[in-house]
Amino acid sequence: MNGEGGHYYSPPGPPNSYQMHPMQNNGGYNYNQPYQGQYGNGYGDPYGNGQYQPPPPQPSYGNNPYQEQRPPPQPPKPAPGPDGNYGPDYGGPPPSYDEVFKVQKPKYNDLWAGILFLLTFLGFAAVSAISIQGYAATRNQNSGSLNGQRNTFGLTTHTIYLFGWVLITATVLSYGYMWLARKFTKQFIWITGILNIAIGLVTAIYMLYRRYWSGGIVFLIFSILTIICFISWIPRIPFSALMLQTSIDIAKRHGHVYMVSAVGGLLGAVFAAWYSVTLVAVYVKYQPDPNNAACRQGAGGCGSGKVIGLIFFLTFAAYWISEWLKNTIHTTIAGVYGSWYFNSRNYPTKVTRGALKRSLTYSFGSISLGSLVVAIINFLRHLCSVAQQNASSQGDILGTILFCIVGCLIGILDWAVQFLNRYAFAHIALYGKAYIPAAKDTWSMIKDRGIDALINECLIGPVLSIGAMFVGYASAFLAYLYMVFTAPAYNSGGGLTPVVVAFAFLIGLQICNIFTTPLSSGIDTIFVAMAWDPEVMMRDHPDLYHQMVAVYPHVAEAIHA
């Protein structure tokens, strides 16, 4: 690879790296000739100018440090026999997932992170049980009509009803969003951008009209930034639509991708409901007030510091648990797409089961560690959001601006970590490495191969994030309308409105992120697999390769980098 200034750069290879097999002329296709497919103009110039010519295919990639564990090339697939089988010439029965992506020395990586995650989950469950017990013992005080309750000091049963509607809204919208992606793939990116901008502006304008300045200003800033970003993305939509269509087509043919998405989304919704009930129960159980009978029930007394500390812990644990669930889904789905990429001619058996088993055993600690990093960043950003809304409600303009800037910086850090995590977890799914080595190797591999240019060109990750923000906006807007029109007694001064709206946004955002994880997982895995072994893309998936070149000619340069 030629670096800047014409210097030759060759990435160092591990002791076990080996020479790749030269690209074979399988099926009579000549890879040295321009592609004359559906585009009809040489190697896929989409505008018909015939000016673009790709570099010649490389017969060997030499010391490739990233392929010491890749599955061996599969022979060309013959026509099936009368019994529908392919016979011994094609290698007999298909291998299992564990045979194709065999871990050389199986071990439980990053075990300390897995143990810490389990302890955090048990702590969440313990706090939840104690708080709900205190809430149940005084439920008569927290029920009744909205303005006829004796509880005027904290959240009540009607807040649980609110979060219940938020859960239903987030789940329905997330299912609908997945349906849009499957049925209107090419229009999906446009629909996402327009819907997100519309709901953001409507929410901002309504909040400003109601003189809820903090929420209105935040939503308005986000909407303006979304408009600017979406306009800059328009030239990249064709390539992104192609990759999304490819991901969906593979999901329809291989594995239980949509079943994993549905089950994962259901688990995410159940956990969000658990978190919502626990959040209300903590306020009821520990909020200091002479009229709070729950202070005399069960373990512990009341105190503002105790409420704040428990809410901090529960929110952080909720972020970590939901991120772990999302990344476990991602790692499982990555096994499906990795199997398709490397073994499309003899697709393995028990792929979904094998990938899930690895995610919950050898890679459990690595997934927990990667999820912990993201959870810490998201938790800090959530604190900035709450602090910004409180500063705005108190008329502190300087504090509002300061927390807004800090929140933006944390958001950039979150994007960078999420970007690296997606591809590192694909590496972990296939080869079972520990988190930090997998992240380092994946990033070096992507940069050395030039795949980072393709990743930057693809909008699916940002688009799905915008879709999740749309569900979060809708959830927050619903919570705000509830607080305004029902005017519960505990919120007579409006002090709890920012808290309820922020948690509603969090619930909607995380549920949609879990539902849409399989879509982005497929594309991420394809990019990482291309970086590991670009020859397989040209040899086993020539149609996809030529379509990619047609909509984005620099693909050929990245493949041959």
Protein backbone atom coordinates (compact mmCIF):
# COMPACT_ATOMS: atom_id res chain seq x y z
CA MET A 1 0.00 0.00 0.00
CA ASN A 2 1.37 3.38 -0.91
CA GLY A 3 1.21 5.86 1.90
CA GLU A 4 1.63 9.61 1.73
CA GLY A 5 4.78 10.73 0.02
CA GLY A 6 5.01 7.50 -1.99
CA HIS A 7 6.43 5.40 0.84
CA TYR A 8 5.62 1.73 0.76
CA TYR A 9 3.68 0.49 3.76
CA SER A 10 3.14 -3.14 4.59
CA PRO A 11 1.19 -3.90 7.78
CA PRO A 12 2.94 -6.35 10.08
CA GLY A 13 1.56 -9.85 10.05
CA PRO A 14 1.25 -12.35 12.91
CA PRO A 15 3.32 -15.52 12.89
CA ASN A 16 0.41 -17.62 11.59
CA SER A 17 -0.57 -15.45 8.60
CA TYR A 18 -0.54 -17.22 5.28
CA GLN A 19 -0.70 -16.55 1.56
CA MET A 20 -4.19 -16.14 0.14
CA HIS A 21 -5.33 -18.32 -2.71
CA PRO A 22 -5.32 -16.55 -6.08
CA MET A 23 -8.74 -15.59 -7.37
CA GLN A 24 -10.06 -18.44 -9.45
CA ASN A 25 -11.92 -18.11 -12.71
CA ASN A 26 -14.94 -20.06 -11.45
CA GLY A 27 -17.93 -20.54 -13.66
CA GLY A 28 -16.24 -19.11 -16.75
CA TYR A 29 -16.28 -15.49 -15.57
CA ASN A 30 -13.23 -13.44 -16.55
CA TYR A 31 -12.47 -10.99 -13.78
CA ASN A 32 -9.97 -9.18 -16.02
CA GLN A 33 -12.75 -7.94 -18.31
CA PRO A 34 -15.09 -5.02 -17.57
CA TYR A 35 -18.44 -5.96 -16.18
CA GLN A 36 -21.20 -5.90 -18.82
CA GLY A 37 -24.17 -6.51 -16.58
CA GLN A 38 -27.35 -4.57 -16.12
CA TYR A 39 -25.51 -1.27 -16.28
CA GLY A 40 -24.14 -1.91 -19.78
CA ASN A 41 -21.28 0.58 -19.66
CA GLY A 42 -18.13 -1.24 -18.72
CA TYR A 43 -17.35 -1.57 -15.06
CA GLY A 44 -20.42 0.10 -13.77
CA ASP A 45 -20.21 3.85 -14.37
CA PRO A 46 -23.79 4.72 -13.36
CA TYR A 47 -23.85 7.76 -15.59
CA GLY A 48 -22.94 5.96 -18.80
CA ASN A 49 -19.73 7.91 -19.41
CA GLY A 50 -17.53 4.87 -19.56
CA GLN A 51 -14.69 6.83 -17.98
CA TYR A 52 -14.09 4.76 -14.89
CA GLN A 53 -11.81 1.74 -15.13
CA PRO A 54 -10.99 -0.19 -11.98
CA PRO A 55 -7.48 -1.36 -11.18
CA PRO A 56 -6.74 -4.90 -12.29
CA PRO A 57 -7.53 -7.65 -9.79
CA GLN A 58 -4.65 -8.72 -7.62
CA PRO A 59 -3.57 -12.35 -8.00
CA SER A 60 -2.38 -12.49 -4.40
CA TYR A 61 -2.57 -10.24 -1.39
CA GLY A 62 0.76 -11.41 0.00
CA ASN A 63 1.27 -11.04 3.70
CA ASN A 64 -2.24 -10.35 4.77
CA PRO A 65 -2.25 -10.12 8.57
CA TYR A 66 -6.01 -10.39 8.89
CA GLN A 67 -6.77 -13.80 7.44
CA GLU A 68 -5.07 -16.28 9.71
CA GLN A 69 -8.45 -17.63 10.79
CA ARG A 70 -10.73 -17.06 7.83
CA PRO A 71 -12.72 -20.04 6.54
CA PRO A 72 -11.09 -21.84 3.59
CA PRO A 73 -12.36 -20.94 0.09
CA GLN A 74 -15.30 -23.04 -1.03
CA PRO A 75 -15.27 -24.86 -4.40
CA PRO A 76 -17.81 -23.82 -7.04
CA LYS A 77 -21.28 -25.12 -6.41
CA PRO A 78 -22.40 -27.79 -8.92
CA ALA A 79 -25.94 -28.52 -9.97
CA PRO A 80 -27.83 -30.63 -7.39
CA GLY A 81 -28.48 -34.26 -8.07
CA PRO A 82 -31.88 -35.94 -8.40
CA ASP A 83 -32.19 -36.22 -4.64
CA GLY A 84 -31.58 -32.49 -4.20
CA ASN A 85 -28.14 -32.99 -2.62
CA TYR A 86 -24.87 -31.70 -3.99
CA GLY A 87 -22.85 -34.85 -3.52
CA PRO A 88 -19.37 -35.52 -2.17
CA ASP A 89 -17.64 -33.23 -4.69
CA TYR A 90 -19.04 -30.30 -2.85
CA GLY A 91 -17.68 -31.33 0.52
CA GLY A 92 -20.58 -33.44 1.80
CA PRO A 93 -23.05 -32.07 4.31
CA PRO A 94 -22.69 -28.41 5.33
CA PRO A 95 -20.52 -27.71 8.37
CA SER A 96 -21.79 -26.21 11.60
CA TYR A 97 -21.13 -22.64 12.67
CA ASP A 98 -18.64 -23.77 15.32
CA GLU A 99 -16.69 -25.75 12.70
CA VAL A 100 -16.49 -22.85 10.26
CA PHE A 101 -15.53 -20.22 12.85
CA LYS A 102 -13.61 -22.40 15.24
CA VAL A 103 -12.03 -20.75 18.27
CA GLN A 104 -8.48 -22.12 18.47
CA LYS A 105 -8.10 -21.83 22.24
CA PRO A 106 -11.56 -21.28 23.75
CA LYS A 107 -11.61 -19.22 26.91
CA TYR A 108 -13.90 -16.80 28.69
CA ASN A 109 -12.51 -13.41 27.65
CA ASP A 110 -12.81 -10.30 29.85
CA LEU A 111 -14.31 -12.40 32.61
CA TRP A 112 -14.07 -9.60 35.18
CA ALA A 113 -16.42 -7.41 33.08
CA GLY A 114 -18.94 -10.24 32.84
CA ILE A 115 -18.88 -10.75 36.61
CA LEU A 116 -19.27 -7.01 37.21
CA PHE A 117 -22.22 -6.94 34.83
CA LEU A 118 -23.93 -9.78 36.67
CA LEU A 119 -23.37 -8.06 40.01
CA THR A 120 -24.84 -4.83 38.61
CA PHE A 121 -27.88 -6.71 37.35
CA LEU A 122 -28.35 -8.36 40.74
CA GLY A 123 -28.02 -4.95 42.42
CA PHE A 124 -30.68 -3.55 40.09
CA ALA A 125 -32.97 -6.46 40.95
CA ALA A 126 -32.39 -5.99 44.70
CA VAL A 127 -33.14 -2.25 44.64
CA SER A 128 -36.19 -2.94 42.50
CA ALA A 129 -37.55 -5.60 44.88
CA ILE A 130 -37.11 -3.42 47.98
CA SER A 131 -38.59 -0.33 46.33
CA ILE A 132 -41.57 -2.14 44.83
CA GLN A 133 -42.28 -3.74 48.22
CA GLY A 134 -42.51 -0.28 49.82
CA TYR A 135 -44.66 0.96 46.97
CA ALA A 136 -47.02 -2.02 47.21
CA ALA A 137 -47.43 -1.54 50.98
CA THR A 138 -48.66 2.03 50.44
CA ARG A 139 -50.41 1.69 47.09
CA ASN A 140 -53.65 3.22 48.43
CA GLN A 141 -51.81 6.48 48.99
CA ASN A 142 -50.52 6.50 45.41
CA SER A 143 -53.76 5.62 43.63
CA GLY A 144 -57.00 7.47 43.11
CA SER A 145 -57.78 10.38 40.79
CA LEU A 146 -54.93 12.52 39.53
CA ASN A 147 -55.71 15.48 41.72
CA GLY A 148 -57.29 13.59 44.58
CA GLN A 149 -54.26 11.64 45.71
CA ARG A 150 -52.73 12.06 49.10
CA ASN A 151 -49.30 11.68 47.48
CA THR A 152 -48.24 15.17 46.46
CA PHE A 153 -44.50 14.66 47.00
CA GLY A 154 -43.40 12.23 44.28
CA LEU A 155 -44.28 10.01 41.33
CA THR A 156 -47.39 7.85 41.66
CA THR A 157 -49.26 4.99 40.01
CA HIS A 158 -50.36 7.32 37.26
CA THR A 159 -46.73 7.83 36.28
CA ILE A 160 -46.57 4.08 35.75
CA TYR A 161 -49.60 4.40 33.47
CA LEU A 162 -47.74 7.10 31.56
CA PHE A 163 -44.66 4.93 31.12
CA GLY A 164 -46.93 2.09 30.07
CA TRP A 165 -48.29 4.21 27.21
CA VAL A 166 -44.74 5.26 26.37
CA LEU A 167 -43.74 1.59 26.15
CA ILE A 168 -46.67 0.75 23.90
CA THR A 169 -45.93 3.75 21.67
CA ALA A 170 -42.22 2.94 21.42
CA THR A 171 -42.85 -0.75 20.67
CA VAL A 172 -45.46 -0.07 17.99
CA LEU A 173 -43.37 2.63 16.33
CA SER A 174 -40.27 0.39 16.38
CA TYR A 175 -42.16 -2.50 14.78
CA GLY A 176 -43.56 -0.07 12.21
CA TYR A 177 -40.09 1.29 11.52
CA MET A 178 -38.78 -2.21 10.83
CA TRP A 179 -41.76 -2.85 8.56
CA LEU A 180 -40.95 0.32 6.59
CA ALA A 181 -37.37 -0.87 6.13
CA ARG A 182 -38.55 -4.20 4.70
CA LYS A 183 -41.34 -2.90 2.46
CA PHE A 184 -39.96 0.44 1.27
CA THR A 185 -36.22 -0.12 1.35
CA LYS A 186 -35.23 2.44 -1.29
CA GLN A 187 -37.44 5.14 0.19
CA PHE A 188 -36.55 4.22 3.77
CA ILE A 189 -33.76 6.76 4.21
CA TRP A 190 -35.91 9.63 2.89
CA ILE A 191 -38.85 8.60 5.07
CA THR A 192 -36.62 8.45 8.14
CA GLY A 193 -35.13 11.89 7.59
CA ILE A 194 -38.43 13.61 6.84
CA LEU A 195 -40.30 12.00 9.76
CA ASN A 196 -37.53 12.80 12.22
CA ILE A 197 -37.31 16.44 11.14
CA ALA A 198 -41.08 16.81 11.24
CA ILE A 199 -41.59 15.35 14.72
CA GLY A 200 -38.61 17.29 16.05
CA LEU A 201 -39.91 20.62 14.75
CA VAL A 202 -43.49 19.94 15.90
CA THR A 203 -42.28 19.03 19.38
CA ALA A 204 -40.01 22.08 19.59
CA ILE A 205 -42.67 24.52 18.35
CA TYR A 206 -45.32 23.17 20.70
CA MET A 207 -43.01 23.30 23.71
CA LEU A 208 -42.00 26.86 22.88
CA TYR A 209 -45.67 27.77 22.45
CA ARG A 210 -46.33 26.36 25.92
CA ARG A 211 -43.34 28.41 27.22
CA TYR A 212 -41.45 25.27 28.16
CA TRP A 213 -38.22 26.91 27.04
CA SER A 214 -35.67 24.25 28.00
CA GLY A 215 -37.28 21.38 26.10
CA GLY A 216 -38.28 23.59 23.16
CA ILE A 217 -34.78 24.97 22.65
CA VAL A 218 -33.15 21.54 22.87
CA PHE A 219 -35.54 19.96 20.36
CA LEU A 220 -35.19 22.97 18.03
CA ILE A 221 -31.38 22.74 18.03
CA PHE A 222 -31.48 19.00 17.35
CA SER A 223 -33.98 19.51 14.51
CA ILE A 224 -31.86 22.18 12.83
CA LEU A 225 -28.76 19.99 13.08
CA THR A 226 -30.72 17.07 11.63
CA ILE A 227 -31.82 19.18 8.64
CA ILE A 228 -28.21 20.22 7.94
CA CYS A 229 -26.93 16.66 8.24
CA PHE A 230 -29.67 15.18 6.07
CA ILE A 231 -29.03 17.65 3.23
CA SER A 232 -25.33 16.75 3.28
CA TRP A 233 -26.23 13.04 3.12
CA ILE A 234 -28.30 13.15 -0.08
CA PRO A 235 -25.40 12.22 -2.46
CA ARG A 236 -24.68 9.10 -0.37
CA ILE A 237 -28.23 7.74 -0.35
CA PRO A 238 -27.88 5.38 -3.42
CA PHE A 239 -24.95 3.45 -1.92
CA SER A 240 -26.63 3.29 1.47
CA ALA A 241 -29.90 2.05 -0.05
CA LEU A 242 -28.00 -0.72 -1.88
CA MET A 243 -26.33 -1.91 1.33
CA LEU A 244 -29.63 -1.82 3.23
CA GLN A 245 -31.35 -3.81 0.47
CA THR A 246 -28.55 -6.37 0.59
CA SER A 247 -28.85 -6.71 4.36
CA ILE A 248 -32.60 -7.23 4.16
CA ASP A 249 -32.33 -9.75 1.31
CA ILE A 250 -29.83 -11.84 3.27
CA ALA A 251 -32.02 -11.66 6.36
CA LYS A 252 -34.94 -13.08 4.40
CA ARG A 253 -32.92 -16.07 3.19
CA HIS A 254 -30.61 -16.97 6.07
CA GLY A 255 -30.89 -17.39 9.79
CA HIS A 256 -33.54 -16.18 12.14
CA VAL A 257 -32.68 -12.50 11.83
CA TYR A 258 -36.19 -11.11 12.22
CA MET A 259 -37.03 -13.56 14.97
CA VAL A 260 -33.95 -12.39 16.91
CA SER A 261 -35.05 -8.80 16.33
CA ALA A 262 -38.59 -9.50 17.59
CA VAL A 263 -37.47 -11.44 20.66
CA GLY A 264 -34.80 -8.86 21.46
CA GLY A 265 -37.26 -6.01 21.07
CA LEU A 266 -39.76 -7.77 23.32
CA LEU A 267 -37.09 -8.31 25.99
CA GLY A 268 -36.10 -4.66 25.69
CA ALA A 269 -39.70 -3.56 26.19
CA VAL A 270 -40.11 -5.86 29.21
CA PHE A 271 -36.95 -4.49 30.79
CA ALA A 272 -38.07 -0.91 30.09
CA ALA A 273 -41.36 -1.67 31.87
CA TRP A 274 -39.43 -3.09 34.83
CA TYR A 275 -37.23 -0.02 34.94
CA SER A 276 -40.23 2.32 34.77
CA VAL A 277 -42.00 0.65 37.69
CA THR A 278 -38.78 0.62 39.72
CA LEU A 279 -38.15 4.31 39.02
CA VAL A 280 -41.59 5.26 40.34
CA ALA A 281 -41.24 2.89 43.30
CA VAL A 282 -37.95 4.52 44.36
CA TYR A 283 -39.60 7.94 44.47
CA VAL A 284 -42.51 6.54 46.46
CA LYS A 285 -40.33 4.53 48.84
CA TYR A 286 -37.55 7.01 49.65
CA GLN A 287 -38.85 10.54 48.94
CA PRO A 288 -38.65 12.38 52.33
CA ASP A 289 -42.00 13.79 53.38
CA PRO A 290 -44.03 13.68 56.61
CA ASN A 291 -46.97 12.18 54.71
CA ASN A 292 -44.93 9.40 53.09
CA ALA A 293 -45.99 6.21 54.87
CA ALA A 294 -43.52 4.18 52.77
CA CYS A 295 -40.63 5.61 54.80
CA ARG A 296 -41.76 3.37 57.63
CA GLN A 297 -42.09 0.25 55.47
CA GLY A 298 -39.37 -2.34 54.85
CA ALA A 299 -35.64 -1.64 54.76
CA GLY A 300 -34.04 1.80 55.00
CA GLY A 301 -35.34 5.29 55.67
CA CYS A 302 -36.11 8.25 53.42
CA GLY A 303 -33.73 10.91 52.22
CA SER A 304 -33.13 13.11 49.17
CA GLY A 305 -29.57 11.86 48.86
CA LYS A 306 -30.79 8.28 48.85
CA VAL A 307 -33.32 9.03 46.09
CA ILE A 308 -30.69 10.72 43.93
CA GLY A 309 -28.13 7.95 44.49
CA LEU A 310 -30.57 5.16 43.69
CA ILE A 311 -31.86 6.92 40.58
CA PHE A 312 -28.27 7.39 39.39
CA PHE A 313 -27.51 3.70 39.94
CA LEU A 314 -30.72 2.47 38.33
CA THR A 315 -30.28 4.68 35.28
CA PHE A 316 -26.66 3.63 34.79
CA ALA A 317 -27.60 -0.04 35.23
CA ALA A 318 -30.47 0.39 32.75
CA TYR A 319 -28.09 1.82 30.16
CA TRP A 320 -25.61 -1.00 30.68
CA ILE A 321 -28.23 -3.78 30.57
CA SER A 322 -29.96 -2.40 27.48
CA GLU A 323 -26.60 -1.89 25.73
CA TRP A 324 -25.60 -5.45 26.59
CA LEU A 325 -28.86 -6.75 25.15
CA LYS A 326 -28.40 -4.71 21.98
CA ASN A 327 -24.79 -5.84 21.52
CA THR A 328 -25.66 -9.48 22.20
CA ILE A 329 -28.21 -9.26 19.38
CA HIS A 330 -25.61 -7.57 17.18
CA THR A 331 -23.00 -10.25 17.86
CA THR A 332 -25.51 -13.03 17.17
CA ILE A 333 -26.62 -11.50 13.87
CA ALA A 334 -22.99 -10.90 12.86
CA GLY A 335 -22.52 -14.67 12.89
CA VAL A 336 -25.33 -15.04 10.32
CA TYR A 337 -23.90 -12.48 7.91
CA GLY A 338 -20.33 -13.70 8.39
CA SER A 339 -21.46 -17.20 7.46
CA TRP A 340 -23.18 -15.85 4.34
CA TYR A 341 -20.10 -13.91 3.27
CA PHE A 342 -17.50 -16.65 3.70
CA ASN A 343 -19.66 -19.74 3.05
CA SER A 344 -22.49 -18.72 0.77
CA ARG A 345 -21.95 -21.80 -1.40
CA ASN A 346 -22.19 -24.22 1.50
CA TYR A 347 -24.05 -22.30 4.19
CA PRO A 348 -23.36 -23.72 7.67
CA THR A 349 -25.96 -25.20 9.98
CA LYS A 350 -27.00 -23.98 13.44
CA VAL A 351 -25.64 -20.51 12.70
CA THR A 352 -27.98 -18.43 14.88
CA ARG A 353 -27.79 -20.93 17.73
CA GLY A 354 -23.99 -21.18 17.52
CA ALA A 355 -23.47 -17.41 17.40
CA LEU A 356 -25.84 -16.85 20.34
CA LYS A 357 -24.11 -19.58 22.35
CA ARG A 358 -20.72 -17.93 21.80
CA SER A 359 -22.15 -14.52 22.74
CA LEU A 360 -23.45 -15.89 26.05
CA THR A 361 -20.33 -17.90 26.93
CA TYR A 362 -16.84 -17.11 25.65
CA SER A 363 -17.72 -13.58 24.49
CA PHE A 364 -20.02 -12.68 27.38
CA GLY A 365 -17.34 -10.70 29.21
CA SER A 366 -16.17 -8.94 26.04
CA ILE A 367 -19.71 -7.84 25.20
CA SER A 368 -20.17 -6.66 28.78
CA LEU A 369 -16.96 -4.61 28.62
CA GLY A 370 -17.84 -2.93 25.33
CA SER A 371 -21.33 -2.22 26.59
CA LEU A 372 -19.92 -0.74 29.81
CA VAL A 373 -17.90 1.87 27.91
CA VAL A 374 -20.97 2.98 25.94
CA ALA A 375 -23.17 2.92 29.06
CA ILE A 376 -20.82 5.27 30.92
CA ILE A 377 -20.80 7.74 28.03
CA ASN A 378 -24.58 7.61 27.56
CA PHE A 379 -25.13 8.03 31.29
CA LEU A 380 -22.95 11.16 31.33
CA ARG A 381 -24.84 12.56 28.35
CA HIS A 382 -28.13 11.85 30.12
CA LEU A 383 -26.93 13.76 33.18
CA CYS A 384 -25.97 16.70 30.98
CA SER A 385 -29.43 16.67 29.40
CA VAL A 386 -31.18 16.73 32.79
CA ALA A 387 -28.83 19.44 34.09
CA GLN A 388 -29.42 21.52 30.97
CA GLN A 389 -33.19 21.33 31.34
CA ASN A 390 -33.00 22.24 35.02
CA ALA A 391 -30.74 25.22 34.26
CA SER A 392 -33.11 26.39 31.55
CA SER A 393 -36.17 26.07 33.80
CA GLN A 394 -34.41 28.27 36.37
CA GLY A 395 -33.54 30.91 33.80
CA ASP A 396 -29.80 30.17 33.87
CA ILE A 397 -28.89 30.92 30.24
CA LEU A 398 -25.13 30.49 30.75
CA GLY A 399 -25.60 27.12 32.42
CA THR A 400 -27.97 26.01 29.66
CA ILE A 401 -25.42 26.87 26.95
CA LEU A 402 -22.56 25.25 28.88
CA PHE A 403 -24.39 21.97 29.44
CA CYS A 404 -25.51 21.98 25.79
CA ILE A 405 -21.88 22.25 24.61
CA VAL A 406 -20.73 19.54 27.02
CA GLY A 407 -23.57 17.30 25.86
CA CYS A 408 -22.53 17.77 22.22
CA LEU A 409 -18.93 16.85 23.02
CA ILE A 410 -20.05 13.74 24.87
CA GLY A 411 -22.27 12.90 21.90
CA ILE A 412 -19.26 13.01 19.57
CA LEU A 413 -17.35 10.70 21.92
CA ASP A 414 -20.34 8.35 22.01
CA TRP A 415 -20.43 8.26 18.20
CA ALA A 416 -16.72 7.39 18.01
CA VAL A 417 -16.99 4.56 20.56
CA GLN A 418 -20.18 3.17 19.00
CA PHE A 419 -18.51 3.29 15.57
CA LEU A 420 -15.58 1.17 16.77
CA ASN A 421 -17.75 -1.17 18.85
CA ARG A 422 -19.95 -2.20 15.94
CA TYR A 423 -17.03 -3.59 13.96
CA ALA A 424 -15.15 -4.95 16.97
CA PHE A 425 -18.19 -7.02 18.00
CA ALA A 426 -18.38 -8.48 14.48
CA HIS A 427 -14.78 -9.66 14.94
CA ILE A 428 -15.64 -11.06 18.37
CA ALA A 429 -18.67 -12.91 16.95
CA LEU A 430 -16.64 -14.81 14.37
CA TYR A 431 -13.34 -15.40 16.12
CA GLY A 432 -14.00 -15.00 19.85
CA LYS A 433 -11.25 -12.50 20.67
CA ALA A 434 -11.17 -10.34 23.79
CA TYR A 435 -12.67 -6.86 23.48
CA ILE A 436 -9.58 -4.63 23.44
CA PRO A 437 -7.48 -6.80 21.05
CA ALA A 438 -10.49 -7.18 18.75
CA ALA A 439 -11.07 -3.41 18.72
CA LYS A 440 -7.41 -2.68 17.94
CA ASP A 441 -7.15 -5.32 15.23
CA THR A 442 -10.44 -4.34 13.61
CA TRP A 443 -9.57 -0.65 13.46
CA SER A 444 -6.09 -1.31 12.03
CA MET A 445 -7.55 -3.71 9.49
CA ILE A 446 -10.24 -1.28 8.35
CA LYS A 447 -7.74 1.57 7.94
CA ASP A 448 -5.15 -0.59 6.16
CA ARG A 449 -7.70 -1.97 3.70
CA GLY A 450 -9.31 1.39 2.99
CA ILE A 451 -12.74 0.12 4.03
CA ASP A 452 -13.15 3.21 6.21
CA ALA A 453 -14.07 5.12 3.04
CA LEU A 454 -16.96 2.73 2.41
CA ILE A 455 -18.08 2.94 6.03
CA ASN A 456 -18.13 6.74 5.86
CA GLU A 457 -20.11 6.56 2.62
CA CYS A 458 -22.81 4.33 4.14
CA LEU A 459 -25.54 6.16 6.04
CA ILE A 460 -27.40 3.24 7.56
CA GLY A 461 -25.90 3.66 11.03
CA PRO A 462 -26.75 7.37 11.28
CA VAL A 463 -30.14 6.79 9.65
CA LEU A 464 -31.11 4.13 12.18
CA SER A 465 -29.91 6.41 14.97
CA ILE A 466 -32.16 9.15 13.59
CA GLY A 467 -35.03 6.66 13.49
CA ALA A 468 -34.42 5.79 17.13
CA MET A 469 -34.38 9.51 17.96
CA PHE A 470 -37.74 9.81 16.19
CA VAL A 471 -39.20 7.15 18.49
CA GLY A 472 -37.55 8.93 21.44
CA TYR A 473 -39.06 12.25 20.35
CA ALA A 474 -42.52 10.69 20.06
CA SER A 475 -42.18 9.10 23.51
CA ALA A 476 -40.97 12.35 25.09
CA PHE A 477 -43.74 14.33 23.40
CA LEU A 478 -46.36 11.89 24.70
CA ALA A 479 -44.94 12.19 28.21
CA TYR A 480 -44.97 15.98 28.01
CA LEU A 481 -48.60 16.09 26.84
CA TYR A 482 -49.55 13.76 29.69
CA MET A 483 -47.88 15.97 32.28
CA VAL A 484 -49.48 19.13 30.84
CA PHE A 485 -53.05 17.97 30.36
CA THR A 486 -53.45 15.68 33.37
CA ALA A 487 -51.66 18.05 35.76
CA PRO A 488 -51.00 15.44 38.50
CA ALA A 489 -50.90 16.70 42.07
CA TYR A 490 -47.27 15.72 42.57
CA ASN A 491 -46.25 17.98 39.66
CA SER A 492 -48.19 21.10 40.59
CA GLY A 493 -45.05 23.22 40.23
CA GLY A 494 -43.82 21.49 37.06
CA GLY A 495 -40.56 20.43 38.69
CA LEU A 496 -40.81 16.76 37.67
CA THR A 497 -41.71 17.43 34.02
CA PRO A 498 -38.07 17.47 32.81
CA VAL A 499 -37.35 14.24 34.67
CA VAL A 500 -40.35 12.36 33.27
CA VAL A 501 -39.78 13.66 29.72
CA ALA A 502 -36.07 12.72 29.81
CA PHE A 503 -36.78 9.17 31.00
CA ALA A 504 -39.54 8.75 28.41
CA PHE A 505 -37.07 9.78 25.68
CA LEU A 506 -34.53 7.28 27.06
CA ILE A 507 -37.08 4.44 27.02
CA GLY A 508 -38.21 5.11 23.45
CA LEU A 509 -34.66 5.55 22.17
CA GLN A 510 -33.32 2.31 23.65
CA ILE A 511 -36.29 0.18 22.58
CA CYS A 512 -35.95 1.30 18.96
CA ASN A 513 -32.18 0.79 19.05
CA ILE A 514 -32.73 -2.82 20.09
CA PHE A 515 -35.33 -3.46 17.39
CA THR A 516 -33.19 -2.05 14.56
CA THR A 517 -29.88 -3.62 15.61
CA PRO A 518 -30.12 -6.55 13.10
CA LEU A 519 -30.29 -4.17 10.12
CA SER A 520 -27.08 -2.35 10.97
CA SER A 521 -25.38 -5.55 12.17
CA GLY A 522 -25.58 -7.12 8.73
CA ILE A 523 -24.00 -4.15 6.97
CA ASP A 524 -21.29 -3.77 9.61
CA THR A 525 -20.36 -7.44 9.28
CA ILE A 526 -20.19 -7.24 5.48
CA PHE A 527 -17.76 -4.32 5.71
CA VAL A 528 -15.56 -6.08 8.25
CA ALA A 529 -15.58 -9.30 6.21
CA MET A 530 -14.57 -7.32 3.11
CA ALA A 531 -11.62 -5.94 5.03
CA TRP A 532 -10.62 -9.43 6.18
CA ASP A 533 -10.85 -11.00 2.74
CA PRO A 534 -11.84 -8.78 -0.21
CA GLU A 535 -11.21 -11.60 -2.68
CA VAL A 536 -14.31 -13.42 -1.42
CA MET A 537 -16.51 -10.43 -2.34
CA MET A 538 -15.34 -10.51 -5.97
CA ARG A 539 -15.28 -14.29 -6.28
CA ASP A 540 -18.41 -15.37 -4.41
CA HIS A 541 -20.59 -12.23 -4.61
CA PRO A 542 -19.78 -10.63 -7.99
CA ASP A 543 -23.29 -9.22 -8.52
CA LEU A 544 -23.17 -7.28 -5.27
CA TYR A 545 -19.61 -6.15 -5.99
CA HIS A 546 -20.50 -4.73 -9.39
CA GLN A 547 -23.61 -3.01 -8.07
CA MET A 548 -21.49 -1.39 -5.35
CA VAL A 549 -19.01 -0.19 -7.98
CA ALA A 550 -21.86 1.19 -10.08
CA VAL A 551 -23.22 3.45 -7.34
CA TYR A 552 -19.85 4.22 -5.72
CA PRO A 553 -16.82 3.60 -8.01
CA HIS A 554 -14.28 4.05 -5.20
CA VAL A 555 -15.33 0.61 -3.94
CA ALA A 556 -12.84 -0.96 -6.37
CA GLU A 557 -10.02 1.17 -4.99
CA ALA A 558 -10.90 0.21 -1.41
CA ILE A 559 -11.13 -3.48 -2.32
CA HIS A 560 -7.70 -3.46 -3.94
CA ALA A 561 -6.06 -1.25 -1.31
